[in-house]
Amino acid sequence: MRRIGEFLLVCLLGVTSCVSLESPTKSALVGDWHYRDEVQSCHYRFRSDGQFSGEVTNQGKLVSKFTGKWSVQGMDLLYVYASDAFGHIPAGATDRDRLLEVQKDSFLIQAADGSRRRYERGL
């Protein structure tokens, strides 16, 4: 009888490991986010349907205004760009940031170039 119970437990664990749940990290990132330093500012809007839009200013001048799709894989925040109003980012270009920390009102990323940026919720 004990072996049957163990077998059922193993089966149950196997079934639950196959169930795909939405990443709480992705849910936590839905909304408006901004980053600002002495030179540039960035704004992102992550939608729950996987679409995003954003813009970057450099020394107060708008230099990029883009749209695309976003997702989270493990601790990576992935972007696939659909358009950029200034033509700096080609359609289909991809990018990846490493999520180092996600909190209710901020998240910290490490960009591909190694730099770190903290985004805060709201505008």
N, C-alpha and C. Protein backbone atom coordinates (compact mmCIF):
# COMPACT_ATOMS: atom_id res chain seq x y z
N MET A 1 0.81 -1.18 0.00
CA MET A 1 0.00 0.00 0.00
C MET A 1 0.87 1.26 0.00
N ARG A 2 1.97 1.20 0.75
CA ARG A 2 2.87 2.35 0.82
C ARG A 2 3.46 2.65 -0.55
N ARG A 3 3.80 1.61 -1.33
CA ARG A 3 4.38 1.80 -2.66
C ARG A 3 3.38 2.48 -3.59
N ILE A 4 2.11 2.15 -3.47
CA ILE A 4 1.09 2.79 -4.31
C ILE A 4 1.03 4.28 -3.99
N GLY A 5 1.09 4.61 -2.70
CA GLY A 5 1.08 6.02 -2.29
C GLY A 5 2.30 6.76 -2.83
N GLU A 6 3.46 6.13 -2.77
CA GLU A 6 4.68 6.75 -3.30
C GLU A 6 4.58 6.92 -4.81
N PHE A 7 4.02 5.91 -5.48
CA PHE A 7 3.86 5.98 -6.93
C PHE A 7 2.93 7.13 -7.30
N LEU A 8 1.82 7.26 -6.59
CA LEU A 8 0.87 8.35 -6.87
C LEU A 8 1.50 9.72 -6.61
N LEU A 9 2.30 9.83 -5.58
CA LEU A 9 2.99 11.08 -5.29
C LEU A 9 3.95 11.44 -6.41
N VAL A 10 4.71 10.47 -6.89
CA VAL A 10 5.65 10.71 -8.01
C VAL A 10 4.88 11.13 -9.26
N CYS A 11 3.75 10.47 -9.54
CA CYS A 11 2.93 10.84 -10.71
C CYS A 11 2.39 12.25 -10.57
N LEU A 12 1.91 12.57 -9.38
CA LEU A 12 1.37 13.91 -9.14
C LEU A 12 2.43 14.97 -9.33
N LEU A 13 3.62 14.74 -8.81
CA LEU A 13 4.72 15.69 -8.97
C LEU A 13 5.10 15.82 -10.44
N GLY A 14 5.08 14.74 -11.18
CA GLY A 14 5.38 14.78 -12.59
C GLY A 14 4.37 15.59 -13.37
N VAL A 15 3.10 15.44 -13.04
CA VAL A 15 2.05 16.20 -13.73
C VAL A 15 2.15 17.68 -13.39
N THR A 16 2.35 18.03 -12.13
CA THR A 16 2.41 19.44 -11.76
C THR A 16 3.64 20.11 -12.33
N SER A 17 4.72 19.38 -12.57
CA SER A 17 5.91 20.01 -13.15
C SER A 17 5.69 20.33 -14.62
N CYS A 18 4.69 19.72 -15.25
CA CYS A 18 4.40 19.99 -16.66
C CYS A 18 3.42 21.13 -16.84
N VAL A 19 2.78 21.57 -15.76
CA VAL A 19 1.82 22.65 -15.84
C VAL A 19 2.59 23.96 -16.01
N SER A 20 2.20 24.74 -17.00
CA SER A 20 2.88 26.01 -17.27
C SER A 20 2.12 27.15 -16.59
N LEU A 21 2.76 27.80 -15.66
CA LEU A 21 2.16 28.93 -14.97
C LEU A 21 2.81 30.21 -15.47
N GLU A 22 2.03 31.29 -15.49
CA GLU A 22 2.59 32.58 -15.89
C GLU A 22 3.63 33.00 -14.86
N SER A 23 4.74 33.47 -15.33
CA SER A 23 5.83 33.88 -14.45
C SER A 23 5.39 35.07 -13.60
N PRO A 24 5.51 34.97 -12.28
CA PRO A 24 5.16 36.12 -11.45
C PRO A 24 6.06 37.31 -11.76
N THR A 25 7.26 37.06 -12.23
CA THR A 25 8.15 38.15 -12.60
C THR A 25 7.57 38.93 -13.76
N LYS A 26 7.04 38.25 -14.78
CA LYS A 26 6.44 38.94 -15.91
C LYS A 26 5.27 39.79 -15.45
N SER A 27 4.39 39.21 -14.63
CA SER A 27 3.24 39.95 -14.12
C SER A 27 3.70 41.19 -13.35
N ALA A 28 4.77 41.04 -12.60
CA ALA A 28 5.28 42.16 -11.80
C ALA A 28 5.82 43.29 -12.67
N LEU A 29 6.18 43.00 -13.92
CA LEU A 29 6.77 44.01 -14.79
C LEU A 29 5.75 44.77 -15.64
N VAL A 30 4.52 44.31 -15.66
CA VAL A 30 3.50 45.00 -16.45
C VAL A 30 3.30 46.41 -15.88
N GLY A 31 3.35 47.41 -16.77
CA GLY A 31 3.14 48.79 -16.34
C GLY A 31 4.14 49.73 -16.98
N ASP A 32 4.20 50.95 -16.45
CA ASP A 32 5.10 52.01 -16.93
C ASP A 32 6.32 52.08 -16.03
N TRP A 33 7.51 52.19 -16.67
CA TRP A 33 8.78 52.21 -15.95
C TRP A 33 9.68 53.28 -16.53
N HIS A 34 10.50 53.88 -15.68
CA HIS A 34 11.46 54.87 -16.19
C HIS A 34 12.80 54.75 -15.48
N TYR A 35 13.81 55.18 -16.21
CA TYR A 35 15.18 55.24 -15.71
C TYR A 35 15.74 56.59 -16.14
N ARG A 36 16.55 57.19 -15.27
CA ARG A 36 17.14 58.49 -15.61
C ARG A 36 18.50 58.59 -14.96
N ASP A 37 19.48 59.08 -15.72
CA ASP A 37 20.78 59.44 -15.16
C ASP A 37 21.14 60.84 -15.67
N GLU A 38 22.40 61.24 -15.53
CA GLU A 38 22.82 62.59 -15.92
C GLU A 38 22.72 62.84 -17.43
N VAL A 39 22.79 61.78 -18.23
CA VAL A 39 22.85 61.92 -19.69
C VAL A 39 21.56 61.50 -20.38
N GLN A 40 20.99 60.38 -19.96
CA GLN A 40 19.85 59.85 -20.70
C GLN A 40 18.70 59.48 -19.78
N SER A 41 17.54 59.32 -20.40
CA SER A 41 16.39 58.78 -19.69
C SER A 41 15.71 57.78 -20.62
N CYS A 42 15.10 56.77 -20.01
CA CYS A 42 14.40 55.73 -20.76
C CYS A 42 13.03 55.53 -20.14
N HIS A 43 12.05 55.30 -20.99
CA HIS A 43 10.71 54.99 -20.53
C HIS A 43 10.23 53.75 -21.26
N TYR A 44 9.70 52.79 -20.52
CA TYR A 44 9.12 51.58 -21.11
C TYR A 44 7.71 51.41 -20.60
N ARG A 45 6.84 50.92 -21.45
CA ARG A 45 5.49 50.49 -21.06
C ARG A 45 5.35 49.03 -21.47
N PHE A 46 5.32 48.14 -20.48
CA PHE A 46 5.14 46.71 -20.72
C PHE A 46 3.66 46.36 -20.53
N ARG A 47 3.04 45.82 -21.57
CA ARG A 47 1.64 45.44 -21.49
C ARG A 47 1.51 43.95 -21.19
N SER A 48 0.40 43.57 -20.60
CA SER A 48 0.18 42.17 -20.22
C SER A 48 0.06 41.25 -21.42
N ASP A 49 -0.25 41.80 -22.62
CA ASP A 49 -0.36 40.96 -23.82
C ASP A 49 0.98 40.71 -24.50
N GLY A 50 2.09 41.16 -23.85
CA GLY A 50 3.42 40.92 -24.39
C GLY A 50 3.94 42.01 -25.31
N GLN A 51 3.18 43.06 -25.50
CA GLN A 51 3.62 44.20 -26.32
C GLN A 51 4.33 45.21 -25.42
N PHE A 52 5.26 45.96 -26.00
CA PHE A 52 5.88 47.05 -25.25
C PHE A 52 6.11 48.24 -26.17
N SER A 53 6.26 49.39 -25.55
CA SER A 53 6.63 50.61 -26.26
C SER A 53 7.58 51.38 -25.36
N GLY A 54 8.34 52.27 -25.94
CA GLY A 54 9.26 53.04 -25.13
C GLY A 54 9.94 54.13 -25.91
N GLU A 55 10.71 54.89 -25.17
CA GLU A 55 11.47 55.97 -25.79
C GLU A 55 12.72 56.26 -24.96
N VAL A 56 13.71 56.79 -25.64
CA VAL A 56 14.98 57.15 -25.01
C VAL A 56 15.30 58.58 -25.37
N THR A 57 15.69 59.35 -24.37
CA THR A 57 16.20 60.70 -24.61
C THR A 57 17.65 60.74 -24.21
N ASN A 58 18.44 61.51 -24.95
CA ASN A 58 19.85 61.69 -24.66
C ASN A 58 20.10 63.19 -24.58
N GLN A 59 20.56 63.65 -23.43
CA GLN A 59 20.78 65.06 -23.15
C GLN A 59 19.53 65.87 -23.49
N GLY A 60 18.38 65.33 -23.09
CA GLY A 60 17.11 66.02 -23.25
C GLY A 60 16.47 65.92 -24.63
N LYS A 61 17.16 65.27 -25.58
CA LYS A 61 16.65 65.16 -26.95
C LYS A 61 16.15 63.74 -27.19
N LEU A 62 14.92 63.61 -27.72
CA LEU A 62 14.36 62.30 -28.03
C LEU A 62 15.16 61.67 -29.16
N VAL A 63 15.72 60.48 -28.92
CA VAL A 63 16.56 59.83 -29.93
C VAL A 63 16.01 58.50 -30.40
N SER A 64 15.04 57.94 -29.68
CA SER A 64 14.46 56.67 -30.08
C SER A 64 13.05 56.56 -29.51
N LYS A 65 12.14 56.06 -30.34
CA LYS A 65 10.76 55.81 -29.93
C LYS A 65 10.36 54.50 -30.60
N PHE A 66 10.15 53.44 -29.81
CA PHE A 66 10.08 52.10 -30.35
C PHE A 66 8.89 51.31 -29.82
N THR A 67 8.60 50.20 -30.51
CA THR A 67 7.57 49.25 -30.10
C THR A 67 8.10 47.84 -30.33
N GLY A 68 7.44 46.87 -29.72
CA GLY A 68 7.84 45.49 -29.94
C GLY A 68 7.12 44.54 -29.01
N LYS A 69 7.70 43.34 -28.87
CA LYS A 69 7.18 42.31 -27.98
C LYS A 69 8.22 42.02 -26.91
N TRP A 70 7.75 41.70 -25.71
CA TRP A 70 8.65 41.40 -24.61
C TRP A 70 8.23 40.09 -23.94
N SER A 71 9.19 39.47 -23.28
CA SER A 71 8.92 38.25 -22.52
C SER A 71 9.99 38.09 -21.45
N VAL A 72 9.73 37.17 -20.56
CA VAL A 72 10.69 36.83 -19.51
C VAL A 72 11.00 35.35 -19.63
N GLN A 73 12.29 35.03 -19.69
CA GLN A 73 12.74 33.63 -19.68
C GLN A 73 13.73 33.50 -18.54
N GLY A 74 13.32 32.77 -17.53
CA GLY A 74 14.18 32.67 -16.34
C GLY A 74 14.36 34.05 -15.74
N MET A 75 15.58 34.50 -15.68
CA MET A 75 15.86 35.83 -15.16
C MET A 75 16.25 36.81 -16.27
N ASP A 76 15.93 36.48 -17.52
CA ASP A 76 16.23 37.35 -18.65
C ASP A 76 14.98 38.05 -19.15
N LEU A 77 15.08 39.34 -19.36
CA LEU A 77 14.03 40.15 -19.96
C LEU A 77 14.38 40.29 -21.44
N LEU A 78 13.52 39.74 -22.30
CA LEU A 78 13.81 39.69 -23.74
C LEU A 78 12.94 40.67 -24.50
N TYR A 79 13.51 41.29 -25.52
CA TYR A 79 12.81 42.25 -26.37
C TYR A 79 12.98 41.84 -27.83
N VAL A 80 11.91 41.96 -28.60
CA VAL A 80 11.97 41.84 -30.05
C VAL A 80 11.33 43.12 -30.59
N TYR A 81 12.13 43.93 -31.24
CA TYR A 81 11.65 45.24 -31.70
C TYR A 81 10.86 45.13 -32.99
N ALA A 82 9.74 45.86 -33.06
CA ALA A 82 8.90 45.88 -34.26
C ALA A 82 9.14 47.15 -35.06
N SER A 83 9.40 48.27 -34.37
CA SER A 83 9.60 49.53 -35.08
C SER A 83 10.35 50.52 -34.19
N ASP A 84 10.98 51.48 -34.86
CA ASP A 84 11.62 52.61 -34.18
C ASP A 84 11.38 53.83 -35.06
N ALA A 85 10.72 54.83 -34.52
CA ALA A 85 10.35 56.02 -35.29
C ALA A 85 11.56 56.73 -35.89
N PHE A 86 12.74 56.57 -35.30
CA PHE A 86 13.94 57.24 -35.78
C PHE A 86 14.82 56.34 -36.64
N GLY A 87 14.44 55.09 -36.79
CA GLY A 87 15.19 54.16 -37.63
C GLY A 87 16.48 53.65 -37.04
N HIS A 88 16.72 53.87 -35.75
CA HIS A 88 17.96 53.41 -35.12
C HIS A 88 17.94 51.93 -34.78
N ILE A 89 16.73 51.38 -34.55
CA ILE A 89 16.60 49.97 -34.20
C ILE A 89 15.82 49.29 -35.32
N PRO A 90 16.44 48.37 -36.05
CA PRO A 90 15.73 47.71 -37.15
C PRO A 90 14.64 46.75 -36.64
N ALA A 91 13.56 46.64 -37.40
CA ALA A 91 12.50 45.69 -37.06
C ALA A 91 13.09 44.29 -37.00
N GLY A 92 12.73 43.55 -35.97
CA GLY A 92 13.25 42.20 -35.78
C GLY A 92 14.48 42.12 -34.90
N ALA A 93 15.08 43.27 -34.58
CA ALA A 93 16.25 43.27 -33.69
C ALA A 93 15.84 42.76 -32.31
N THR A 94 16.76 42.07 -31.66
CA THR A 94 16.48 41.53 -30.33
C THR A 94 17.45 42.11 -29.32
N ASP A 95 17.02 42.09 -28.07
CA ASP A 95 17.87 42.53 -26.97
C ASP A 95 17.53 41.70 -25.75
N ARG A 96 18.45 41.66 -24.80
CA ARG A 96 18.27 40.85 -23.59
C ARG A 96 18.92 41.59 -22.43
N ASP A 97 18.15 41.75 -21.35
CA ASP A 97 18.67 42.29 -20.11
C ASP A 97 18.52 41.23 -19.03
N ARG A 98 19.46 41.18 -18.13
CA ARG A 98 19.42 40.23 -17.01
C ARG A 98 18.70 40.91 -15.85
N LEU A 99 17.63 40.28 -15.36
CA LEU A 99 16.91 40.81 -14.21
C LEU A 99 17.67 40.42 -12.94
N LEU A 100 18.18 41.41 -12.24
CA LEU A 100 18.92 41.16 -11.01
C LEU A 100 18.03 41.24 -9.79
N GLU A 101 16.96 42.06 -9.90
CA GLU A 101 16.08 42.27 -8.77
C GLU A 101 14.75 42.81 -9.29
N VAL A 102 13.65 42.30 -8.77
CA VAL A 102 12.33 42.80 -9.13
C VAL A 102 11.57 43.05 -7.84
N GLN A 103 11.16 44.31 -7.66
CA GLN A 103 10.36 44.69 -6.50
C GLN A 103 9.06 45.30 -7.01
N LYS A 104 8.17 45.62 -6.10
CA LYS A 104 6.86 46.16 -6.47
C LYS A 104 7.00 47.44 -7.30
N ASP A 105 7.88 48.34 -6.90
CA ASP A 105 7.99 49.64 -7.56
C ASP A 105 9.31 49.89 -8.27
N SER A 106 10.14 48.86 -8.43
CA SER A 106 11.40 49.02 -9.15
C SER A 106 11.93 47.67 -9.60
N PHE A 107 12.78 47.72 -10.61
CA PHE A 107 13.54 46.53 -10.98
C PHE A 107 14.92 46.95 -11.44
N LEU A 108 15.88 46.07 -11.24
CA LEU A 108 17.28 46.32 -11.56
C LEU A 108 17.70 45.35 -12.65
N ILE A 109 18.29 45.89 -13.72
CA ILE A 109 18.77 45.04 -14.82
C ILE A 109 20.27 45.20 -14.99
N GLN A 110 20.86 44.19 -15.58
CA GLN A 110 22.23 44.28 -16.09
C GLN A 110 22.11 44.14 -17.60
N ALA A 111 22.51 45.17 -18.32
CA ALA A 111 22.43 45.18 -19.77
C ALA A 111 23.55 44.34 -20.36
N ALA A 112 23.45 44.09 -21.65
CA ALA A 112 24.46 43.27 -22.35
C ALA A 112 25.86 43.86 -22.23
N ASP A 113 25.96 45.20 -22.12
CA ASP A 113 27.27 45.84 -22.00
C ASP A 113 27.82 45.82 -20.57
N GLY A 114 27.06 45.20 -19.65
CA GLY A 114 27.51 45.09 -18.26
C GLY A 114 27.01 46.18 -17.35
N SER A 115 26.45 47.24 -17.92
CA SER A 115 25.95 48.34 -17.08
C SER A 115 24.68 47.91 -16.35
N ARG A 116 24.44 48.55 -15.22
CA ARG A 116 23.26 48.27 -14.42
C ARG A 116 22.38 49.50 -14.37
N ARG A 117 21.06 49.25 -14.47
CA ARG A 117 20.10 50.35 -14.41
C ARG A 117 18.90 49.94 -13.57
N ARG A 118 18.48 50.83 -12.72
CA ARG A 118 17.28 50.60 -11.91
C ARG A 118 16.13 51.41 -12.51
N TYR A 119 15.07 50.70 -12.87
CA TYR A 119 13.86 51.32 -13.38
C TYR A 119 12.85 51.45 -12.25
N GLU A 120 12.14 52.56 -12.24
CA GLU A 120 11.13 52.80 -11.22
C GLU A 120 9.76 52.90 -11.86
N ARG A 121 8.76 52.44 -11.14
CA ARG A 121 7.40 52.43 -11.66
C ARG A 121 6.86 53.85 -11.77
N GLY A 122 6.06 54.09 -12.79
CA GLY A 122 5.41 55.38 -12.97
C GLY A 122 6.21 56.32 -13.82
N LEU A 123 5.68 57.50 -13.99
CA LEU A 123 6.34 58.51 -14.82
C LEU A 123 6.53 59.80 -14.10
